[in-house]
Amino acid sequence: MENDKPKAAIIGADGNVYNLIGICSKSLKKAGYEKEAHEMSERIFKSKSYDEALAIMCEYIEPVEVGGYENEY
């Protein structure tokens, strides 16, 4: 999946971790990675910090700026 990471507009988005999980999950599901979206969420909910949660998200998606990606949510 490394080369096929879907883009997710999280740079400049509301930084609430639940909001970011939602954006990343939608991007993954839209790209056909429903299993990975669930896996990512499970891992984030078990994480110990905000930074760890962001690192996990970036394993699954390519972060892009809000307004800089035509298929953002």
C-alpha atoms as a PDB file:
ATOM      1  CA  MET A   1       0.000   0.000   0.000  1.00  0.00           C
ATOM      2  CA  GLU A   2       3.027   2.289   0.433  1.00  0.00           C
ATOM      3  CA  ASN A   3       2.849   3.633  -3.145  1.00  0.00           C
ATOM      4  CA  ASP A   4      -0.935   3.643  -3.294  1.00  0.00           C
ATOM      5  CA  LYS A   5      -1.668   5.791  -0.256  1.00  0.00           C
ATOM      6  CA  PRO A   6      -4.769   7.897  -0.822  1.00  0.00           C
ATOM      7  CA  LYS A   7      -4.458  11.624  -0.240  1.00  0.00           C
ATOM      8  CA  ALA A   8      -6.225  13.065   2.803  1.00  0.00           C
ATOM      9  CA  ALA A   9      -6.628  16.804   3.400  1.00  0.00           C
ATOM     10  CA  ILE A  10      -5.534  16.940   7.033  1.00  0.00           C
ATOM     11  CA  ILE A  11      -2.916  19.723   6.849  1.00  0.00           C
ATOM     12  CA  GLY A  12      -4.706  22.852   8.034  1.00  0.00           C
ATOM     13  CA  ALA A  13      -7.846  20.931   9.046  1.00  0.00           C
ATOM     14  CA  ASP A  14      -9.374  21.076  12.533  1.00  0.00           C
ATOM     15  CA  GLY A  15      -6.732  19.175  14.497  1.00  0.00           C
ATOM     16  CA  ASN A  16      -9.171  17.300  16.709  1.00  0.00           C
ATOM     17  CA  VAL A  17      -7.997  13.695  16.512  1.00  0.00           C
ATOM     18  CA  TYR A  18     -11.539  12.413  15.859  1.00  0.00           C
ATOM     19  CA  ASN A  19     -11.940  14.838  12.969  1.00  0.00           C
ATOM     20  CA  LEU A  20      -8.627  13.725  11.477  1.00  0.00           C
ATOM     21  CA  ILE A  21      -9.545  10.045  11.864  1.00  0.00           C
ATOM     22  CA  GLY A  22     -12.791  10.767   9.999  1.00  0.00           C
ATOM     23  CA  ILE A  23     -11.010  12.514   7.136  1.00  0.00           C
ATOM     24  CA  CYS A  24      -8.441   9.723   6.828  1.00  0.00           C
ATOM     25  CA  SER A  25     -11.067   6.981   7.063  1.00  0.00           C
ATOM     26  CA  LYS A  26     -13.190   8.550   4.332  1.00  0.00           C
ATOM     27  CA  SER A  27     -10.173   8.872   2.054  1.00  0.00           C
ATOM     28  CA  LEU A  28      -9.181   5.254   2.645  1.00  0.00           C
ATOM     29  CA  LYS A  29     -12.714   3.941   2.094  1.00  0.00           C
ATOM     30  CA  LYS A  30     -13.151   6.004  -1.074  1.00  0.00           C
ATOM     31  CA  ALA A  31      -9.932   4.442  -2.417  1.00  0.00           C
ATOM     32  CA  GLY A  32     -11.219   0.934  -1.630  1.00  0.00           C
ATOM     33  CA  TYR A  33      -9.273   0.405   1.596  1.00  0.00           C
ATOM     34  CA  GLU A  34     -12.143  -0.255   3.992  1.00  0.00           C
ATOM     35  CA  LYS A  35     -10.222  -2.915   5.940  1.00  0.00           C
ATOM     36  CA  GLU A  36      -7.259  -0.559   6.323  1.00  0.00           C
ATOM     37  CA  ALA A  37      -9.542   2.271   7.499  1.00  0.00           C
ATOM     38  CA  HIS A  38     -10.829   0.042  10.292  1.00  0.00           C
ATOM     39  CA  GLU A  39      -7.318  -1.178  11.127  1.00  0.00           C
ATOM     40  CA  MET A  40      -6.003   2.406  11.250  1.00  0.00           C
ATOM     41  CA  SER A  41      -8.802   3.530  13.588  1.00  0.00           C
ATOM     42  CA  GLU A  42      -8.251   0.578  15.928  1.00  0.00           C
ATOM     43  CA  ARG A  43      -4.529   1.312  16.120  1.00  0.00           C
ATOM     44  CA  ILE A  44      -5.113   5.020  16.768  1.00  0.00           C
ATOM     45  CA  PHE A  45      -7.569   4.339  19.588  1.00  0.00           C
ATOM     46  CA  LYS A  46      -4.872   2.210  21.257  1.00  0.00           C
ATOM     47  CA  SER A  47      -2.164   4.856  20.769  1.00  0.00           C
ATOM     48  CA  LYS A  48      -0.681   6.690  23.734  1.00  0.00           C
ATOM     49  CA  SER A  49      -0.337  10.199  22.302  1.00  0.00           C
ATOM     50  CA  TYR A  50      -1.506  12.650  19.670  1.00  0.00           C
ATOM     51  CA  ASP A  51       1.861  12.423  17.908  1.00  0.00           C
ATOM     52  CA  GLU A  52       1.620   8.633  17.793  1.00  0.00           C
ATOM     53  CA  ALA A  53      -1.903   8.919  16.364  1.00  0.00           C
ATOM     54  CA  LEU A  54      -0.668  11.263  13.612  1.00  0.00           C
ATOM     55  CA  ALA A  55       2.210   8.927  12.793  1.00  0.00           C
ATOM     56  CA  ILE A  56      -0.225   6.027  12.420  1.00  0.00           C
ATOM     57  CA  MET A  57      -2.453   8.075  10.108  1.00  0.00           C
ATOM     58  CA  CYS A  58       0.536   8.902   7.921  1.00  0.00           C
ATOM     59  CA  GLU A  59       1.297   5.190   7.530  1.00  0.00           C
ATOM     60  CA  TYR A  60      -2.034   4.856   5.719  1.00  0.00           C
ATOM     61  CA  ILE A  61      -2.559   8.174   3.911  1.00  0.00           C
ATOM     62  CA  GLU A  62      -0.611  10.905   2.169  1.00  0.00           C
ATOM     63  CA  PRO A  63      -1.361  14.150   4.029  1.00  0.00           C
ATOM     64  CA  VAL A  64      -2.178  17.143   1.844  1.00  0.00           C
ATOM     65  CA  GLU A  65      -3.316  20.692   2.607  1.00  0.00           C
ATOM     66  CA  VAL A  66      -6.974  21.574   2.960  1.00  0.00           C
ATOM     67  CA  GLY A  67      -7.969  23.215  -0.311  1.00  0.00           C
ATOM     68  CA  GLY A  68      -5.019  21.685  -2.131  1.00  0.00           C
ATOM     69  CA  TYR A  69      -6.707  18.471  -3.173  1.00  0.00           C
ATOM     70  CA  GLU A  70      -9.738  18.282  -5.423  1.00  0.00           C
ATOM     71  CA  ASN A  71     -11.337  15.226  -3.753  1.00  0.00           C
ATOM     72  CA  GLU A  72     -11.140  16.403  -0.161  1.00  0.00           C
ATOM     73  CA  TYR A  73     -14.015  16.060   2.262  1.00  0.00           C
END
